[in-house]
């Protein structure tokens, strides 16, 4: 699917938003059909429609690790 340069945005406590010209494949390397230029990939593992996000991260309380703040010089 053509949609410009690829960009992946990690949403805090949510999915990975994938925009642009990226091929999504299953664990066996087979392409997964995309119906939109921007798709949300599940990170929590609770989705009922893998690999897509269905909002289950909110129900299961999924939280992404917070980056550590580097020490002050």
C-alpha atoms as a PDB file:
ATOM      1  CA  UNK A   1       0.000   0.000   0.000  1.00  0.00           C
ATOM      2  CA  UNK A   2       1.538   3.282  -0.998  1.00  0.00           C
ATOM      3  CA  UNK A   3       1.271   6.026   1.546  1.00  0.00           C
ATOM      4  CA  UNK A   4       4.548   7.890   1.693  1.00  0.00           C
ATOM      5  CA  UNK A   5       7.551   7.290   3.912  1.00  0.00           C
ATOM      6  CA  UNK A   6       7.117   4.798   6.723  1.00  0.00           C
ATOM      7  CA  UNK A   7       6.557   6.035  10.252  1.00  0.00           C
ATOM      8  CA  UNK A   8       5.826   4.059  13.417  1.00  0.00           C
ATOM      9  CA  UNK A   9       4.542   5.853  16.498  1.00  0.00           C
ATOM     10  CA  UNK A  10       4.492   4.048  19.849  1.00  0.00           C
ATOM     11  CA  UNK A  11       1.401   5.308  21.652  1.00  0.00           C
ATOM     12  CA  UNK A  12       1.861   5.492  25.435  1.00  0.00           C
ATOM     13  CA  UNK A  13       0.031   2.544  27.013  1.00  0.00           C
ATOM     14  CA  UNK A  14      -1.397   1.612  23.603  1.00  0.00           C
ATOM     15  CA  UNK A  15      -0.710   0.309  20.127  1.00  0.00           C
ATOM     16  CA  UNK A  16       1.942   0.992  17.533  1.00  0.00           C
ATOM     17  CA  UNK A  17       0.531   3.292  14.847  1.00  0.00           C
ATOM     18  CA  UNK A  18       2.002   2.400  11.464  1.00  0.00           C
ATOM     19  CA  UNK A  19       1.764   4.942   8.662  1.00  0.00           C
ATOM     20  CA  UNK A  20       3.113   4.877   5.137  1.00  0.00           C
ATOM     21  CA  UNK A  21       4.523   2.237   2.845  1.00  0.00           C
ATOM     22  CA  UNK A  22       5.082  -0.716   5.186  1.00  0.00           C
ATOM     23  CA  UNK A  23       4.324  -4.363   4.555  1.00  0.00           C
ATOM     24  CA  UNK A  24       2.818  -6.129   7.572  1.00  0.00           C
ATOM     25  CA  UNK A  25       3.516  -9.875   7.626  1.00  0.00           C
ATOM     26  CA  UNK A  26       2.373 -12.731   9.863  1.00  0.00           C
ATOM     27  CA  UNK A  27       4.788 -14.970  11.837  1.00  0.00           C
ATOM     28  CA  UNK A  28       5.254 -17.130   8.727  1.00  0.00           C
ATOM     29  CA  UNK A  29       6.178 -14.141   6.556  1.00  0.00           C
ATOM     30  CA  UNK A  30       2.882 -14.014   4.667  1.00  0.00           C
ATOM     31  CA  UNK A  31       1.563 -10.506   3.954  1.00  0.00           C
ATOM     32  CA  UNK A  32      -1.379  -9.346   6.072  1.00  0.00           C
ATOM     33  CA  UNK A  33      -3.798  -7.251   4.048  1.00  0.00           C
ATOM     34  CA  UNK A  34      -4.135  -3.640   5.130  1.00  0.00           C
ATOM     35  CA  UNK A  35      -7.350  -1.752   4.425  1.00  0.00           C
ATOM     36  CA  UNK A  36      -6.117   1.658   5.611  1.00  0.00           C
ATOM     37  CA  UNK A  37      -3.002   3.772   5.199  1.00  0.00           C
ATOM     38  CA  UNK A  38      -2.660   4.048   8.976  1.00  0.00           C
ATOM     39  CA  UNK A  39      -3.086   0.898  11.077  1.00  0.00           C
ATOM     40  CA  UNK A  40      -2.741   0.184  14.802  1.00  0.00           C
ATOM     41  CA  UNK A  41      -0.756  -2.900  15.791  1.00  0.00           C
ATOM     42  CA  UNK A  42      -1.443  -4.509  19.166  1.00  0.00           C
ATOM     43  CA  UNK A  43       1.349  -4.468  21.768  1.00  0.00           C
ATOM     44  CA  UNK A  44      -0.560  -5.816  24.770  1.00  0.00           C
ATOM     45  CA  UNK A  45      -1.391  -9.252  23.336  1.00  0.00           C
ATOM     46  CA  UNK A  46      -5.047  -9.118  24.388  1.00  0.00           C
ATOM     47  CA  UNK A  47      -6.587  -8.170  21.036  1.00  0.00           C
ATOM     48  CA  UNK A  48      -9.229 -10.380  19.483  1.00  0.00           C
ATOM     49  CA  UNK A  49      -8.188  -9.383  15.948  1.00  0.00           C
ATOM     50  CA  UNK A  50      -4.405  -9.882  15.784  1.00  0.00           C
ATOM     51  CA  UNK A  51      -2.228  -8.219  14.661  1.00  0.00           C
ATOM     52  CA  UNK A  52      -4.555  -5.207  14.868  1.00  0.00           C
ATOM     53  CA  UNK A  53      -5.413  -3.296  18.024  1.00  0.00           C
ATOM     54  CA  UNK A  54      -9.036  -3.507  19.170  1.00  0.00           C
ATOM     55  CA  UNK A  55      -8.695  -1.357  22.295  1.00  0.00           C
ATOM     56  CA  UNK A  56      -8.235  -4.301  24.681  1.00  0.00           C
ATOM     57  CA  UNK A  57      -5.175  -2.608  26.207  1.00  0.00           C
ATOM     58  CA  UNK A  58      -7.545  -0.319  28.083  1.00  0.00           C
ATOM     59  CA  UNK A  59      -9.490  -3.245  29.559  1.00  0.00           C
ATOM     60  CA  UNK A  60      -6.403  -5.216  30.657  1.00  0.00           C
ATOM     61  CA  UNK A  61      -4.585  -2.155  32.001  1.00  0.00           C
ATOM     62  CA  UNK A  62      -1.593  -2.455  29.674  1.00  0.00           C
ATOM     63  CA  UNK A  63       1.188  -0.011  30.519  1.00  0.00           C
ATOM     64  CA  UNK A  64       4.351   0.697  28.576  1.00  0.00           C
ATOM     65  CA  UNK A  65       7.589   1.136  30.489  1.00  0.00           C
ATOM     66  CA  UNK A  66       8.466   4.743  31.137  1.00  0.00           C
ATOM     67  CA  UNK A  67      11.916   5.813  29.965  1.00  0.00           C
ATOM     68  CA  UNK A  68      14.330   6.523  32.764  1.00  0.00           C
ATOM     69  CA  UNK A  69      15.325  10.118  33.252  1.00  0.00           C
ATOM     70  CA  UNK A  70      19.061  10.463  32.727  1.00  0.00           C
ATOM     71  CA  UNK A  71      20.952  11.773  35.754  1.00  0.00           C
ATOM     72  CA  UNK A  72      21.676  15.506  35.798  1.00  0.00           C
ATOM     73  CA  UNK A  73      25.272  16.409  34.851  1.00  0.00           C
END
